[in-house]
């Protein structure tokens, strides 16, 4: 039996004019009848690194009985010159989370995936400092290339989950991460008698964005902090709402 969590996460490749740019991670989220791909906003556009892809590719399984069967699915990022992904701001400023709606009718026949939804939301008071978490994605693009499945890195909650770190919409995790993990879901295992119904027993705490470091760190004497920024997943219901405001507050 394959853990449903692994089928809810997909590898993301960014392209511009057929040229491959970067690798990242993403996951599926359902809001009502709508299906979204969620990842970091900087995967779609990042001014600081002059990263401007015009489409992405995700991997989709096409045979529930044979995970080795998969195909690339192309998603344009612009329509008529305008971006079609959703992004948000909150009281602390810009949020490094983006969602793009997927056309279910355009998905390949036999597509096999799982998705998070409101039942999987952990809420703002869901975990304590030091709680065990998983960050599930594609570090440096590494994954089970035969079965097209991501890998999980162990993490703990490294800041108070009840408070927004530095007043921003994220909390900290302590985990070993790499490039390619941007957009990966940060999850906690649901308590056996709580959480969502069915076999998908993982609660969504956040969306991994990036590693944090000290600009004053001595590169020869000091190890990297090993801390990461994870944006609170509670932005997703507002971000994916059918009737949503221009900016989520």
Protein backbone atom coordinates (compact mmCIF):
# COMPACT_ATOMS: atom_id res chain seq x y z
CA UNK A 1 0.00 0.00 0.00
CA UNK A 2 1.36 3.42 -1.00
CA UNK A 3 0.87 6.13 1.60
CA UNK A 4 -1.63 8.63 0.11
CA UNK A 5 0.68 11.46 1.19
CA UNK A 6 3.18 10.49 -1.51
CA UNK A 7 0.48 10.70 -4.19
CA UNK A 8 -0.53 14.19 -3.05
CA UNK A 9 2.93 15.63 -3.82
CA UNK A 10 4.30 16.18 -7.31
CA UNK A 11 7.58 17.25 -8.89
CA UNK A 12 7.46 20.68 -10.50
CA UNK A 13 9.72 21.79 -13.35
CA UNK A 14 9.76 25.40 -14.54
CA UNK A 15 10.36 26.30 -18.18
CA UNK A 16 10.64 29.34 -20.40
CA UNK A 17 10.54 29.00 -24.19
CA UNK A 18 11.15 25.23 -23.88
CA UNK A 19 14.25 25.82 -21.72
CA UNK A 20 14.29 24.04 -18.38
CA UNK A 21 14.98 26.48 -15.54
CA UNK A 22 14.50 24.95 -12.09
CA UNK A 23 13.02 22.07 -10.11
CA UNK A 24 10.62 22.47 -7.20
CA UNK A 25 7.90 20.65 -5.27
CA UNK A 26 4.15 21.11 -5.11
CA UNK A 27 1.00 19.42 -3.85
CA UNK A 28 -2.67 19.08 -4.72
CA UNK A 29 -5.39 20.89 -2.80
CA UNK A 30 -9.14 20.61 -3.34
CA UNK A 31 -11.56 23.46 -2.61
CA UNK A 32 -15.15 22.51 -3.38
CA UNK A 33 -15.16 21.25 -6.97
CA UNK A 34 -11.89 22.99 -7.82
CA UNK A 35 -8.49 21.31 -7.87
CA UNK A 36 -5.33 23.36 -7.33
CA UNK A 37 -1.61 22.87 -7.48
CA UNK A 38 0.03 24.66 -4.55
CA UNK A 39 3.70 25.62 -4.39
CA UNK A 40 5.90 28.56 -3.42
CA UNK A 41 5.12 31.81 -5.15
CA UNK A 42 8.80 32.28 -6.07
CA UNK A 43 8.58 29.10 -8.17
CA UNK A 44 6.29 30.97 -10.59
CA UNK A 45 8.11 34.30 -10.45
CA UNK A 46 11.10 35.60 -8.50
CA UNK A 47 12.33 39.08 -9.27
CA UNK A 48 15.40 38.78 -7.03
CA UNK A 49 16.84 35.95 -9.15
CA UNK A 50 15.26 37.10 -12.45
CA UNK A 51 13.31 33.85 -12.58
CA UNK A 52 10.44 34.24 -15.05
CA UNK A 53 9.11 30.90 -16.36
CA UNK A 54 6.11 30.87 -18.69
CA UNK A 55 4.91 27.35 -17.86
CA UNK A 56 5.50 24.44 -15.54
CA UNK A 57 5.47 20.67 -15.87
CA UNK A 58 4.18 18.34 -13.17
CA UNK A 59 4.33 14.56 -13.05
CA UNK A 60 1.07 12.64 -12.85
CA UNK A 61 0.58 8.94 -12.25
CA UNK A 62 -1.68 7.38 -14.86
CA UNK A 63 -2.20 3.84 -13.54
CA UNK A 64 -3.29 3.14 -9.98
CA UNK A 65 -1.94 -0.41 -10.23
CA UNK A 66 1.45 0.55 -11.68
CA UNK A 67 3.14 3.63 -10.25
CA UNK A 68 5.89 3.36 -12.83
CA UNK A 69 3.38 4.70 -15.36
CA UNK A 70 3.46 8.49 -15.30
CA UNK A 71 3.37 11.42 -17.66
CA UNK A 72 4.32 15.08 -17.70
CA UNK A 73 1.43 17.54 -17.61
CA UNK A 74 2.03 21.07 -18.90
CA UNK A 75 0.46 24.07 -17.15
CA UNK A 76 0.75 27.57 -18.67
CA UNK A 77 1.37 30.37 -16.19
CA UNK A 78 -0.03 33.16 -18.36
CA UNK A 79 -3.14 33.74 -20.42
CA UNK A 80 -3.41 36.75 -22.72
CA UNK A 81 -0.27 38.13 -21.14
CA UNK A 82 -1.64 37.96 -17.58
CA UNK A 83 -0.57 35.57 -14.83
CA UNK A 84 -3.23 33.02 -13.93
CA UNK A 85 -1.92 31.83 -10.57
CA UNK A 86 -3.31 33.08 -7.29
CA UNK A 87 -1.13 34.77 -4.70
CA UNK A 88 -1.85 36.60 -1.49
CA UNK A 89 -0.88 39.13 1.14
CA UNK A 90 -1.67 39.06 4.82
CA UNK A 91 -1.17 41.51 7.67
CA UNK A 92 2.59 40.89 7.59
CA UNK A 93 3.00 41.48 3.86
CA UNK A 94 3.50 39.23 0.86
CA UNK A 95 3.07 35.47 1.33
CA UNK A 96 5.39 33.08 -0.52
CA UNK A 97 2.56 30.72 -1.48
CA UNK A 98 0.78 30.42 -4.82
CA UNK A 99 -1.99 28.23 -6.19
CA UNK A 100 -2.97 27.58 -9.77
CA UNK A 101 -6.22 25.89 -10.71
CA UNK A 102 -6.08 22.68 -12.72
CA UNK A 103 -8.67 21.79 -15.35
CA UNK A 104 -9.87 18.36 -14.26
CA UNK A 105 -11.21 17.66 -17.76
CA UNK A 106 -7.73 18.19 -19.20
CA UNK A 107 -6.01 15.72 -16.89
CA UNK A 108 -4.81 12.49 -18.51
CA UNK A 109 -7.05 9.45 -18.49
CA UNK A 110 -6.59 7.24 -15.44
CA UNK A 111 -4.84 9.97 -13.44
CA UNK A 112 -4.05 8.79 -9.91
CA UNK A 113 -3.48 11.43 -7.24
CA UNK A 114 -4.61 12.43 -3.76
CA UNK A 115 -5.29 15.94 -2.48
CA UNK A 116 -5.45 17.85 0.76
CA UNK A 117 -8.62 19.74 1.64
CA UNK A 118 -10.15 21.60 4.57
CA UNK A 119 -10.29 18.41 6.65
CA UNK A 120 -6.49 18.27 6.56
CA UNK A 121 -5.94 21.80 7.87
CA UNK A 122 -4.11 21.74 11.18
CA UNK A 123 -5.19 25.22 12.29
CA UNK A 124 -3.19 27.89 14.05
CA UNK A 125 -3.05 26.07 17.39
CA UNK A 126 -2.35 22.59 16.18
CA UNK A 127 1.23 21.79 17.24
CA UNK A 128 3.65 22.47 20.07
CA UNK A 129 7.29 23.48 19.91
CA UNK A 130 9.37 20.43 19.00
CA UNK A 131 6.47 18.55 17.38
CA UNK A 132 7.66 16.02 14.81
CA UNK A 133 6.90 17.03 11.21
CA UNK A 134 7.67 15.79 7.70
CA UNK A 135 8.66 17.89 4.69
CA UNK A 136 7.79 15.87 1.59
CA UNK A 137 9.30 16.83 -1.76
CA UNK A 138 12.16 16.58 -4.22
CA UNK A 139 15.50 17.75 -2.73
CA UNK A 140 17.81 18.66 -5.62
CA UNK A 141 15.26 16.82 -7.78
CA UNK A 142 16.05 13.54 -6.01
CA UNK A 143 13.17 11.06 -5.84
CA UNK A 144 12.12 7.50 -6.63
CA UNK A 145 12.51 7.94 -10.37
CA UNK A 146 11.02 4.51 -11.13
CA UNK A 147 7.78 5.10 -9.25
CA UNK A 148 7.81 8.92 -9.54
CA UNK A 149 7.41 9.46 -5.81
CA UNK A 150 8.86 12.11 -3.49
CA UNK A 151 10.94 11.55 -0.35
CA UNK A 152 10.31 12.78 3.19
CA UNK A 153 12.70 14.71 5.43
CA UNK A 154 12.23 14.67 9.18
CA UNK A 155 11.67 18.05 10.83
CA UNK A 156 10.48 19.59 14.07
CA UNK A 157 8.58 22.80 14.76
CA UNK A 158 11.36 25.21 15.71
CA UNK A 159 9.31 28.29 16.63
CA UNK A 160 6.07 28.93 18.48
CA UNK A 161 3.29 27.76 16.15
CA UNK A 162 0.78 30.09 17.82
CA UNK A 163 2.79 33.15 16.77
CA UNK A 164 3.86 34.43 13.39
CA UNK A 165 7.65 34.48 13.42
CA UNK A 166 8.95 38.09 13.23
CA UNK A 167 5.34 39.09 12.53
CA UNK A 168 5.38 37.30 9.16
CA UNK A 169 2.99 34.57 8.02
CA UNK A 170 5.37 31.69 8.65
CA UNK A 171 6.86 29.49 11.35
CA UNK A 172 10.27 27.83 11.52
CA UNK A 173 11.22 24.20 11.04
CA UNK A 174 14.48 22.51 11.95
CA UNK A 175 15.31 20.15 9.09
CA UNK A 176 17.92 19.35 6.48
CA UNK A 177 16.59 20.76 3.22
CA UNK A 178 17.90 21.54 -0.25
CA UNK A 179 16.97 23.40 -3.40
CA UNK A 180 14.02 21.70 -5.07
CA UNK A 181 12.04 21.51 -1.82
CA UNK A 182 10.33 24.86 -2.34
CA UNK A 183 6.57 24.33 -2.27
CA UNK A 184 6.73 21.04 -0.36
CA UNK A 185 3.96 20.38 2.18
CA UNK A 186 4.93 20.40 5.85
CA UNK A 187 2.75 17.84 7.60
CA UNK A 188 2.09 16.19 10.95
CA UNK A 189 0.56 12.76 11.42
CA UNK A 190 -3.07 12.95 12.53
CA UNK A 191 -4.00 11.56 15.92
CA UNK A 192 -5.67 8.20 15.36
CA UNK A 193 -9.10 9.20 16.70
CA UNK A 194 -9.08 12.67 15.12
CA UNK A 195 -8.33 14.24 11.79
CA UNK A 196 -9.75 13.53 8.34
CA UNK A 197 -11.81 10.50 7.48
CA UNK A 198 -10.42 7.74 5.28
CA UNK A 199 -6.84 6.62 4.85
CA UNK A 200 -5.22 10.03 4.25
CA UNK A 201 -4.20 10.63 7.88
CA UNK A 202 -1.90 13.63 7.55
CA UNK A 203 -2.52 17.19 8.70
CA UNK A 204 -1.21 20.12 6.66
CA UNK A 205 0.73 22.60 8.79
CA UNK A 206 2.57 24.69 6.22
CA UNK A 207 4.30 25.14 2.87
CA UNK A 208 8.10 24.97 2.87
CA UNK A 209 9.66 28.02 1.27
CA UNK A 210 13.37 28.40 1.90
CA UNK A 211 16.31 27.92 4.23
CA UNK A 212 17.22 30.69 6.65
CA UNK A 213 20.73 31.77 7.52
CA UNK A 214 22.65 34.53 9.25
CA UNK A 215 24.35 37.01 6.97
CA UNK A 216 27.07 37.41 9.59
CA UNK A 217 27.87 33.69 9.73
CA UNK A 218 31.54 32.81 9.26
CA UNK A 219 31.41 30.31 6.39
CA UNK A 220 34.54 28.54 7.66
CA UNK A 221 33.85 28.46 11.41
CA UNK A 222 30.07 28.33 11.66
CA UNK A 223 27.73 25.64 10.38
CA UNK A 224 24.52 26.64 8.63
CA UNK A 225 21.59 27.18 10.96
CA UNK A 226 19.56 24.33 9.52
CA UNK A 227 16.37 26.36 9.99
CA UNK A 228 13.67 26.83 7.37
CA UNK A 229 10.71 29.05 6.65
CA UNK A 230 7.30 27.34 6.34
CA UNK A 231 4.30 29.53 5.52
CA UNK A 232 1.14 28.72 7.45
CA UNK A 233 -1.24 26.54 5.45
CA UNK A 234 -4.23 28.45 6.82
CA UNK A 235 -3.84 30.83 3.86
CA UNK A 236 -5.13 28.13 1.47
CA UNK A 237 -8.89 28.23 2.12
CA UNK A 238 -8.95 31.96 1.40
CA UNK A 239 -6.50 31.71 -1.49
CA UNK A 240 -8.56 29.03 -3.24
CA UNK A 241 -12.04 30.36 -2.43
CA UNK A 242 -14.35 30.72 -5.45
CA UNK A 243 -15.24 34.27 -4.53
CA UNK A 244 -12.05 35.66 -3.08
CA UNK A 245 -10.80 39.19 -2.41
CA UNK A 246 -7.98 40.67 -4.46
CA UNK A 247 -5.64 40.18 -1.51
CA UNK A 248 -6.14 37.74 1.34
CA UNK A 249 -6.01 39.58 4.66
